[in-house]
PDB file of N, CA and C in Angstrom:
ATOM      1  N   MET A   1     199.629 -47.494 133.328  1.00  0.00           N
ATOM      2  CA  MET A   1     200.110 -47.390 131.837  1.00  0.00           C
ATOM      3  C   MET A   1     200.296 -47.076 131.148  1.00  0.00           C
ATOM      4  N   THR A   2     201.011 -47.647 130.623  1.00  0.00           N
ATOM      5  CA  THR A   2     201.934 -47.247 129.332  1.00  0.00           C
ATOM      6  C   THR A   2     200.840 -47.193 127.747  1.00  0.00           C
ATOM      7  N   ASN A   3     201.687 -46.028 127.196  1.00  0.00           N
ATOM      8  CA  ASN A   3     201.398 -45.373 125.390  1.00  0.00           C
ATOM      9  C   ASN A   3     201.055 -46.670 124.513  1.00  0.00           C
ATOM     10  N   ALA A   4     202.081 -47.432 124.933  1.00  0.00           N
ATOM     11  CA  ALA A   4     202.990 -48.689 124.080  1.00  0.00           C
ATOM     12  C   ALA A   4     201.406 -49.188 122.838  1.00  0.00           C
ATOM     13  N   PRO A   5     201.176 -49.428 121.953  1.00  0.00           N
ATOM     14  CA  PRO A   5     200.460 -50.326 121.305  1.00  0.00           C
ATOM     15  C   PRO A   5     200.188 -51.628 121.612  1.00  0.00           C
ATOM     16  N   GLN A   6     198.845 -52.026 122.178  1.00  0.00           N
ATOM     17  CA  GLN A   6     198.313 -53.000 122.744  1.00  0.00           C
ATOM     18  C   GLN A   6     197.620 -53.974 121.939  1.00  0.00           C
ATOM     19  N   VAL A   7     198.297 -55.236 121.417  1.00  0.00           N
ATOM     20  CA  VAL A   7     198.118 -56.699 120.610  1.00  0.00           C
ATOM     21  C   VAL A   7     196.349 -57.076 121.291  1.00  0.00           C
ATOM     22  N   SER A   8     195.755 -57.625 120.506  1.00  0.00           N
ATOM     23  CA  SER A   8     194.471 -57.860 121.618  1.00  0.00           C
ATOM     24  C   SER A   8     195.174 -59.380 120.835  1.00  0.00           C
ATOM     25  N   ALA A   9     194.653 -59.909 121.830  1.00  0.00           N
ATOM     26  CA  ALA A   9     195.065 -61.360 121.543  1.00  0.00           C
ATOM     27  C   ALA A   9     193.126 -62.429 121.566  1.00  0.00           C
ATOM     28  N   MET A  10     192.908 -62.979 120.767  1.00  0.00           N
ATOM     29  CA  MET A  10     191.750 -63.722 120.489  1.00  0.00           C
ATOM     30  C   MET A  10     191.628 -64.978 120.467  1.00  0.00           C
ATOM     31  N   HIS A  11     191.304 -65.970 120.868  1.00  0.00           N
ATOM     32  CA  HIS A  11     191.481 -67.585 121.124  1.00  0.00           C
ATOM     33  C   HIS A  11     190.109 -67.998 121.117  1.00  0.00           C
ATOM     34  N   ALA A  12     189.905 -69.464 120.270  1.00  0.00           N
ATOM     35  CA  ALA A  12     188.595 -69.571 119.169  1.00  0.00           C
ATOM     36  C   ALA A  12     188.532 -70.841 120.925  1.00  0.00           C
ATOM     37  N   LEU A  13     187.837 -70.814 121.102  1.00  0.00           N
ATOM     38  CA  LEU A  13     186.779 -71.823 122.524  1.00  0.00           C
ATOM     39  C   LEU A  13     186.471 -73.112 121.524  1.00  0.00           C
ATOM     40  N   PRO A  14     186.393 -74.183 122.179  1.00  0.00           N
ATOM     41  CA  PRO A  14     185.980 -75.063 122.146  1.00  0.00           C
ATOM     42  C   PRO A  14     184.561 -75.171 121.788  1.00  0.00           C
ATOM     43  N   ASP A  15     184.103 -74.899 122.927  1.00  0.00           N
ATOM     44  CA  ASP A  15     182.402 -74.236 122.144  1.00  0.00           C
ATOM     45  C   ASP A  15     181.889 -74.012 121.800  1.00  0.00           C
ATOM     46  N   GLY A  16     182.601 -73.187 120.764  1.00  0.00           N
ATOM     47  CA  GLY A  16     182.411 -72.394 118.863  1.00  0.00           C
ATOM     48  C   GLY A  16     181.974 -70.895 119.186  1.00  0.00           C
ATOM     49  N   GLU A  17     182.223 -70.215 120.468  1.00  0.00           N
ATOM     50  CA  GLU A  17     183.101 -68.723 120.947  1.00  0.00           C
ATOM     51  C   GLU A  17     184.157 -68.591 121.063  1.00  0.00           C
ATOM     52  N   ALA A  18     184.662 -67.077 120.374  1.00  0.00           N
ATOM     53  CA  ALA A  18     185.345 -67.113 121.059  1.00  0.00           C
ATOM     54  C   ALA A  18     185.815 -65.861 122.153  1.00  0.00           C
ATOM     55  N   GLU A  19     187.217 -66.011 122.250  1.00  0.00           N
ATOM     56  CA  GLU A  19     187.730 -65.291 123.822  1.00  0.00           C
ATOM     57  C   GLU A  19     188.724 -64.418 123.242  1.00  0.00           C
ATOM     58  N   ILE A  20     188.238 -62.253 123.598  1.00  0.00           N
ATOM     59  CA  ILE A  20     188.765 -61.589 122.796  1.00  0.00           C
ATOM     60  C   ILE A  20     189.891 -60.884 123.517  1.00  0.00           C
ATOM     61  N   SER A  21     191.144 -60.273 123.854  1.00  0.00           N
ATOM     62  CA  SER A  21     191.562 -60.144 125.050  1.00  0.00           C
ATOM     63  C   SER A  21     191.828 -59.016 124.584  1.00  0.00           C
ATOM     64  N   LEU A  22     190.986 -57.614 125.325  1.00  0.00           N
ATOM     65  CA  LEU A  22     191.298 -56.146 125.388  1.00  0.00           C
ATOM     66  C   LEU A  22     191.204 -55.039 126.682  1.00  0.00           C
ATOM     67  N   VAL A  23     192.094 -54.298 125.806  1.00  0.00           N
ATOM     68  CA  VAL A  23     192.161 -53.257 127.215  1.00  0.00           C
ATOM     69  C   VAL A  23     191.403 -51.266 126.743  1.00  0.00           C
ATOM     70  N   VAL A  24     190.055 -51.442 128.099  1.00  0.00           N
ATOM     71  CA  VAL A  24     189.188 -50.363 127.746  1.00  0.00           C
ATOM     72  C   VAL A  24     189.162 -49.316 128.565  1.00  0.00           C
ATOM     73  N   ARG A  25     189.196 -48.285 128.522  1.00  0.00           N
ATOM     74  CA  ARG A  25     189.568 -47.109 129.399  1.00  0.00           C
ATOM     75  C   ARG A  25     188.614 -46.829 129.255  1.00  0.00           C
ATOM     76  N   LEU A  26     187.713 -46.832 130.651  1.00  0.00           N
ATOM     77  CA  LEU A  26     186.211 -46.465 131.180  1.00  0.00           C
ATOM     78  C   LEU A  26     186.119 -45.149 132.355  1.00  0.00           C
ATOM     79  N   PRO A  27     185.865 -44.280 131.812  1.00  0.00           N
ATOM     80  CA  PRO A  27     185.643 -43.839 133.383  1.00  0.00           C
ATOM     81  C   PRO A  27     184.808 -44.192 134.556  1.00  0.00           C
ATOM     82  N   TRP A  28     185.549 -44.271 136.150  1.00  0.00           N
ATOM     83  CA  TRP A  28     184.848 -44.412 136.949  1.00  0.00           C
ATOM     84  C   TRP A  28     183.882 -44.526 137.159  1.00  0.00           C
ATOM     85  N   GLU A  29     182.773 -43.938 136.967  1.00  0.00           N
ATOM     86  CA  GLU A  29     181.258 -44.214 136.933  1.00  0.00           C
ATOM     87  C   GLU A  29     181.165 -45.692 135.969  1.00  0.00           C
ATOM     88  N   ASP A  30     180.834 -45.433 134.968  1.00  0.00           N
ATOM     89  CA  ASP A  30     180.928 -46.873 134.010  1.00  0.00           C
ATOM     90  C   ASP A  30     181.731 -48.915 134.722  1.00  0.00           C
ATOM     91  N   VAL A  31     182.838 -47.847 135.640  1.00  0.00           N
ATOM     92  CA  VAL A  31     183.789 -49.193 136.507  1.00  0.00           C
ATOM     93  C   VAL A  31     182.764 -49.295 137.458  1.00  0.00           C
ATOM     94  N   ALA A  32     181.824 -47.807 137.788  1.00  0.00           N
ATOM     95  CA  ALA A  32     180.918 -48.786 139.463  1.00  0.00           C
ATOM     96  C   ALA A  32     179.466 -49.089 138.933  1.00  0.00           C
ATOM     97  N   ARG A  33     179.302 -48.765 138.058  1.00  0.00           N
ATOM     98  CA  ARG A  33     178.164 -49.865 137.507  1.00  0.00           C
ATOM     99  C   ARG A  33     178.221 -51.180 137.096  1.00  0.00           C
ATOM    100  N   LEU A  34     179.393 -50.888 136.230  1.00  0.00           N
ATOM    101  CA  LEU A  34     179.858 -52.606 135.820  1.00  0.00           C
ATOM    102  C   LEU A  34     179.520 -53.495 137.069  1.00  0.00           C
ATOM    103  N   GLY A  35     180.156 -52.579 138.308  1.00  0.00           N
ATOM    104  CA  GLY A  35     180.333 -53.553 139.706  1.00  0.00           C
ATOM    105  C   GLY A  35     178.621 -54.093 139.660  1.00  0.00           C
ATOM    106  N   GLN A  36     178.389 -52.591 139.817  1.00  0.00           N
ATOM    107  CA  GLN A  36     176.613 -52.748 140.341  1.00  0.00           C
ATOM    108  C   GLN A  36     176.238 -54.648 139.619  1.00  0.00           C
ATOM    109  N   GLU A  37     176.088 -54.388 138.217  1.00  0.00           N
ATOM    110  CA  GLU A  37     175.866 -55.731 137.417  1.00  0.00           C
ATOM    111  C   GLU A  37     176.123 -56.448 137.783  1.00  0.00           C
ATOM    112  N   ALA A  38     177.554 -56.831 138.411  1.00  0.00           N
ATOM    113  CA  ALA A  38     178.099 -58.325 138.541  1.00  0.00           C
ATOM    114  C   ALA A  38     177.209 -58.369 139.654  1.00  0.00           C
ATOM    115  N   GLY A  39     176.995 -57.705 140.396  1.00  0.00           N
ATOM    116  CA  GLY A  39     176.842 -57.402 142.052  1.00  0.00           C
ATOM    117  C   GLY A  39     175.680 -58.137 141.383  1.00  0.00           C
ATOM    118  N   ARG A  40     174.398 -57.725 140.907  1.00  0.00           N
ATOM    119  CA  ARG A  40     173.464 -59.070 140.644  1.00  0.00           C
ATOM    120  C   ARG A  40     173.360 -59.939 140.032  1.00  0.00           C
ATOM    121  N   LEU A  41     174.077 -60.000 139.027  1.00  0.00           N
ATOM    122  CA  LEU A  41     174.489 -61.186 138.010  1.00  0.00           C
ATOM    123  C   LEU A  41     175.028 -62.474 139.648  1.00  0.00           C
ATOM    124  N   ALA A  42     175.825 -61.511 140.184  1.00  0.00           N
ATOM    125  CA  ALA A  42     176.321 -62.948 141.601  1.00  0.00           C
ATOM    126  C   ALA A  42     174.600 -63.547 141.960  1.00  0.00           C
ATOM    127  N   THR A  43     174.172 -62.449 142.703  1.00  0.00           N
ATOM    128  CA  THR A  43     172.701 -63.028 143.187  1.00  0.00           C
ATOM    129  C   THR A  43     172.259 -63.808 142.593  1.00  0.00           C
ATOM    130  N   GLN A  44     172.040 -63.087 141.203  1.00  0.00           N
ATOM    131  CA  GLN A  44     171.163 -64.605 140.222  1.00  0.00           C
ATOM    132  C   GLN A  44     172.103 -65.240 140.199  1.00  0.00           C
ATOM    133  N   MET A  45     173.374 -65.411 140.376  1.00  0.00           N
ATOM    134  CA  MET A  45     174.117 -66.845 140.078  1.00  0.00           C
ATOM    135  C   MET A  45     174.378 -67.451 141.056  1.00  0.00           C
ATOM    136  N   GLN A  46     174.451 -66.812 142.070  1.00  0.00           N
ATOM    137  CA  GLN A  46     174.325 -67.335 143.792  1.00  0.00           C
ATOM    138  C   GLN A  46     176.000 -68.162 143.751  1.00  0.00           C
ATOM    139  N   ARG A  47     176.654 -66.641 143.442  1.00  0.00           N
ATOM    140  CA  ARG A  47     178.619 -67.396 142.930  1.00  0.00           C
ATOM    141  C   ARG A  47     178.864 -65.860 142.564  1.00  0.00           C
ATOM    142  N   PRO A  48     180.589 -65.796 143.059  1.00  0.00           N
ATOM    143  CA  PRO A  48     180.679 -64.158 142.560  1.00  0.00           C
ATOM    144  C   PRO A  48     181.879 -64.137 141.411  1.00  0.00           C
ATOM    145  N   VAL A  49     181.037 -63.267 140.795  1.00  0.00           N
ATOM    146  CA  VAL A  49     180.647 -63.219 139.344  1.00  0.00           C
ATOM    147  C   VAL A  49     182.253 -61.421 139.164  1.00  0.00           C
ATOM    148  N   THR A  50     183.340 -61.444 137.836  1.00  0.00           N
ATOM    149  CA  THR A  50     184.099 -60.810 137.978  1.00  0.00           C
ATOM    150  C   THR A  50     183.073 -60.039 136.923  1.00  0.00           C
ATOM    151  N   LEU A  51     184.565 -58.680 136.995  1.00  0.00           N
ATOM    152  CA  LEU A  51     183.900 -58.091 136.578  1.00  0.00           C
ATOM    153  C   LEU A  51     183.625 -58.049 134.532  1.00  0.00           C
ATOM    154  N   ASP A  52     184.804 -59.016 134.396  1.00  0.00           N
ATOM    155  CA  ASP A  52     184.230 -59.519 133.148  1.00  0.00           C
ATOM    156  C   ASP A  52     183.189 -60.217 132.319  1.00  0.00           C
ATOM    157  N   GLU A  53     182.800 -60.453 133.360  1.00  0.00           N
ATOM    158  CA  GLU A  53     180.687 -61.679 133.477  1.00  0.00           C
ATOM    159  C   GLU A  53     180.398 -61.049 133.020  1.00  0.00           C
ATOM    160  N   ALA A  54     180.570 -59.832 133.973  1.00  0.00           N
ATOM    161  CA  ALA A  54     179.589 -58.100 133.933  1.00  0.00           C
ATOM    162  C   ALA A  54     179.422 -58.031 132.437  1.00  0.00           C
ATOM    163  N   VAL A  55     180.484 -57.533 132.045  1.00  0.00           N
ATOM    164  CA  VAL A  55     180.466 -57.629 130.454  1.00  0.00           C
ATOM    165  C   VAL A  55     180.706 -58.064 129.917  1.00  0.00           C
ATOM    166  N   SER A  56     180.378 -59.177 129.800  1.00  0.00           N
ATOM    167  CA  SER A  56     180.259 -61.157 128.623  1.00  0.00           C
ATOM    168  C   SER A  56     178.881 -60.466 129.665  1.00  0.00           C
ATOM    169  N   TYR A  57     178.301 -60.197 129.553  1.00  0.00           N
ATOM    170  CA  TYR A  57     176.547 -60.716 130.277  1.00  0.00           C
ATOM    171  C   TYR A  57     175.769 -60.065 129.580  1.00  0.00           C
ATOM    172  N   ARG A  58     176.471 -58.194 130.134  1.00  0.00           N
ATOM    173  CA  ARG A  58     175.523 -57.194 129.255  1.00  0.00           C
ATOM    174  C   ARG A  58     175.719 -57.364 128.043  1.00  0.00           C
ATOM    175  N   LEU A  59     176.769 -57.587 127.320  1.00  0.00           N
ATOM    176  CA  LEU A  59     176.914 -57.576 125.876  1.00  0.00           C
ATOM    177  C   LEU A  59     175.908 -58.950 125.393  1.00  0.00           C
ATOM    178  N   ARG A  60     176.010 -59.926 125.708  1.00  0.00           N
ATOM    179  CA  ARG A  60     175.488 -60.812 125.631  1.00  0.00           C
ATOM    180  C   ARG A  60     173.806 -60.508 125.580  1.00  0.00           C
ATOM    181  N   SER A  61     173.002 -59.382 126.092  1.00  0.00           N
ATOM    182  CA  SER A  61     171.617 -59.781 127.135  1.00  0.00           C
ATOM    183  C   SER A  61     170.958 -58.380 125.873  1.00  0.00           C
ATOM    184  N   THR A  62     171.561 -57.182 125.400  1.00  0.00           N
ATOM    185  CA  THR A  62     171.636 -55.600 125.127  1.00  0.00           C
ATOM    186  C   THR A  62     171.993 -55.889 123.244  1.00  0.00           C
ATOM    187  N   ARG A  63     172.820 -57.388 122.770  1.00  0.00           N
ATOM    188  CA  ARG A  63     172.874 -57.291 120.859  1.00  0.00           C
ATOM    189  C   ARG A  63     171.484 -57.921 120.548  1.00  0.00           C
ATOM    190  N   PRO A  64     171.238 -56.998 119.637  1.00  0.00           N
ATOM    191  CA  PRO A  64     169.923 -57.530 118.659  1.00  0.00           C
ATOM    192  C   PRO A  64     170.337 -58.982 118.051  1.00  0.00           C
ATOM    193  N   PRO A  65     170.474 -60.114 116.908  1.00  0.00           N
ATOM    194  CA  PRO A  65     169.862 -61.079 116.511  1.00  0.00           C
ATOM    195  C   PRO A  65     171.239 -60.147 115.486  1.00  0.00           C
ATOM    196  N   ALA A  66     171.945 -61.170 114.649  1.00  0.00           N
ATOM    197  CA  ALA A  66     172.744 -61.217 113.786  1.00  0.00           C
ATOM    198  C   ALA A  66     172.368 -60.896 112.199  1.00  0.00           C
ATOM    199  N   SER A  67     171.896 -60.092 111.508  1.00  0.00           N
ATOM    200  CA  SER A  67     171.381 -59.892 110.775  1.00  0.00           C
ATOM    201  C   SER A  67     172.086 -61.128 109.215  1.00  0.00           C
ATOM    202  N   HIS A  68     173.322 -61.704 109.593  1.00  0.00           N
ATOM    203  CA  HIS A  68     173.642 -62.372 108.887  1.00  0.00           C
ATOM    204  C   HIS A  68     174.305 -64.136 109.492  1.00  0.00           C
ATOM    205  N   ALA A  69     173.232 -63.855 110.627  1.00  0.00           N
ATOM    206  CA  ALA A  69     173.610 -65.456 111.197  1.00  0.00           C
ATOM    207  C   ALA A  69     172.506 -66.338 110.806  1.00  0.00           C
ATOM    208  N   LYS A  70     172.664 -67.631 110.026  1.00  0.00           N
ATOM    209  CA  LYS A  70     172.059 -68.707 109.348  1.00  0.00           C
ATOM    210  C   LYS A  70     170.895 -69.257 110.903  1.00  0.00           C
ATOM    211  N   PRO A  71     170.203 -69.610 110.203  1.00  0.00           N
ATOM    212  CA  PRO A  71     169.335 -70.166 111.196  1.00  0.00           C
ATOM    213  C   PRO A  71     169.553 -71.601 111.516  1.00  0.00           C
ATOM    214  N   SER A  72     169.528 -71.541 112.694  1.00  0.00           N
ATOM    215  CA  SER A  72     170.242 -73.563 113.233  1.00  0.00           C
ATOM    216  C   SER A  72     169.413 -73.861 112.839  1.00  0.00           C
ATOM    217  N   GLY A  73     170.661 -75.111 112.868  1.00  0.00           N
ATOM    218  CA  GLY A  73     170.201 -76.622 111.557  1.00  0.00           C
ATOM    219  C   GLY A  73     170.491 -75.547 110.148  1.00  0.00           C
ATOM    220  N   GLU A  74     170.440 -75.110 110.116  1.00  0.00           N
ATOM    221  CA  GLU A  74     170.946 -74.619 108.190  1.00  0.00           C
ATOM    222  C   GLU A  74     171.885 -75.104 108.240  1.00  0.00           C
ATOM    223  N   GLN A  75     172.851 -75.447 107.302  1.00  0.00           N
ATOM    224  CA  GLN A  75     173.729 -76.392 106.960  1.00  0.00           C
ATOM    225  C   GLN A  75     174.929 -75.458 105.525  1.00  0.00           C
ATOM    226  N   PRO A  76     175.753 -74.846 106.058  1.00  0.00           N
ATOM    227  CA  PRO A  76     176.314 -73.670 103.799  1.00  0.00           C
ATOM    228  C   PRO A  76     176.256 -75.099 103.915  1.00  0.00           C
ATOM    229  N   ALA A  77     177.016 -74.687 102.413  1.00  0.00           N
ATOM    230  CA  ALA A  77     176.608 -75.168 101.190  1.00  0.00           C
ATOM    231  C   ALA A  77     177.914 -75.859 100.801  1.00  0.00           C
ATOM    232  N   ALA A  78     178.108 -76.399 100.411  1.00  0.00           N
ATOM    233  CA  ALA A  78     179.644 -77.148 100.829  1.00  0.00           C
ATOM    234  C   ALA A  78     180.701 -77.036  99.886  1.00  0.00           C
ATOM    235  N   VAL A  79     181.865 -77.311  99.574  1.00  0.00           N
ATOM    236  CA  VAL A  79     182.858 -76.599  98.786  1.00  0.00           C
ATOM    237  C   VAL A  79     182.077 -76.718  97.126  1.00  0.00           C
ATOM    238  N   SER A  80     181.763 -78.093  97.360  1.00  0.00           N
ATOM    239  CA  SER A  80     182.360 -79.330  95.699  1.00  0.00           C
ATOM    240  C   SER A  80     181.038 -78.214  94.857  1.00  0.00           C
ATOM    241  N   ALA A  81     179.900 -78.044  95.743  1.00  0.00           N
ATOM    242  CA  ALA A  81     178.487 -77.872  95.281  1.00  0.00           C
ATOM    243  C   ALA A  81     179.416 -75.678  94.548  1.00  0.00           C
ATOM    244  N   LEU A  82     180.339 -75.148  94.625  1.00  0.00           N
ATOM    245  CA  LEU A  82     180.425 -74.585  94.051  1.00  0.00           C
ATOM    246  C   LEU A  82     180.251 -74.389  92.412  1.00  0.00           C
ATOM    247  N   PRO A  83     180.377 -73.695  91.340  1.00  0.00           N
ATOM    248  CA  PRO A  83     180.882 -73.677  89.957  1.00  0.00           C
ATOM    249  C   PRO A  83     182.337 -74.029  89.760  1.00  0.00           C
ATOM    250  N   ARG A  84     182.888 -74.685  88.966  1.00  0.00           N
ATOM    251  CA  ARG A  84     184.009 -74.760  88.845  1.00  0.00           C
ATOM    252  C   ARG A  84     184.208 -73.495  87.406  1.00  0.00           C
ATOM    253  N   ILE A  85     185.458 -72.544  88.224  1.00  0.00           N
ATOM    254  CA  ILE A  85     186.478 -72.111  87.248  1.00  0.00           C
ATOM    255  C   ILE A  85     187.642 -72.542  86.188  1.00  0.00           C
ATOM    256  N   THR A  86     186.779 -72.571  85.068  1.00  0.00           N
ATOM    257  CA  THR A  86     188.263 -73.087  84.290  1.00  0.00           C
ATOM    258  C   THR A  86     189.116 -71.878  83.202  1.00  0.00           C
ATOM    259  N   GLY A  87     190.224 -72.158  83.266  1.00  0.00           N
ATOM    260  CA  GLY A  87     190.686 -71.395  82.669  1.00  0.00           C
ATOM    261  C   GLY A  87     192.228 -71.626  83.323  1.00  0.00           C
ATOM    262  N   THR A  88     192.842 -70.525  82.414  1.00  0.00           N
ATOM    263  CA  THR A  88     194.487 -69.675  83.674  1.00  0.00           C
ATOM    264  C   THR A  88     194.145 -68.532  84.240  1.00  0.00           C
ATOM    265  N   ALA A  89     194.893 -68.512  85.165  1.00  0.00           N
ATOM    266  CA  ALA A  89     194.911 -67.213  85.328  1.00  0.00           C
ATOM    267  C   ALA A  89     196.480 -65.768  84.856  1.00  0.00           C
TER     268      ALA A  89
END
């Protein structure tokens, strides 16, 4: 691994989620725990699971709901509903 700066890539996915590519340095003990998590998840899903999937699953299962997220079904206000600003800059 080099010390050159790495650029993280982020891509929007069709299902409304985002995919972020990054490099994380972990102690071997944490890598082993992720391997155990992947094994448990593979047994549960009855298919092979990558460490990436295990990390994603772990992040999704332990995060609290976002306080800024709107309840499903609620639509954001339309831009035309915003007050108009008159005058020149």
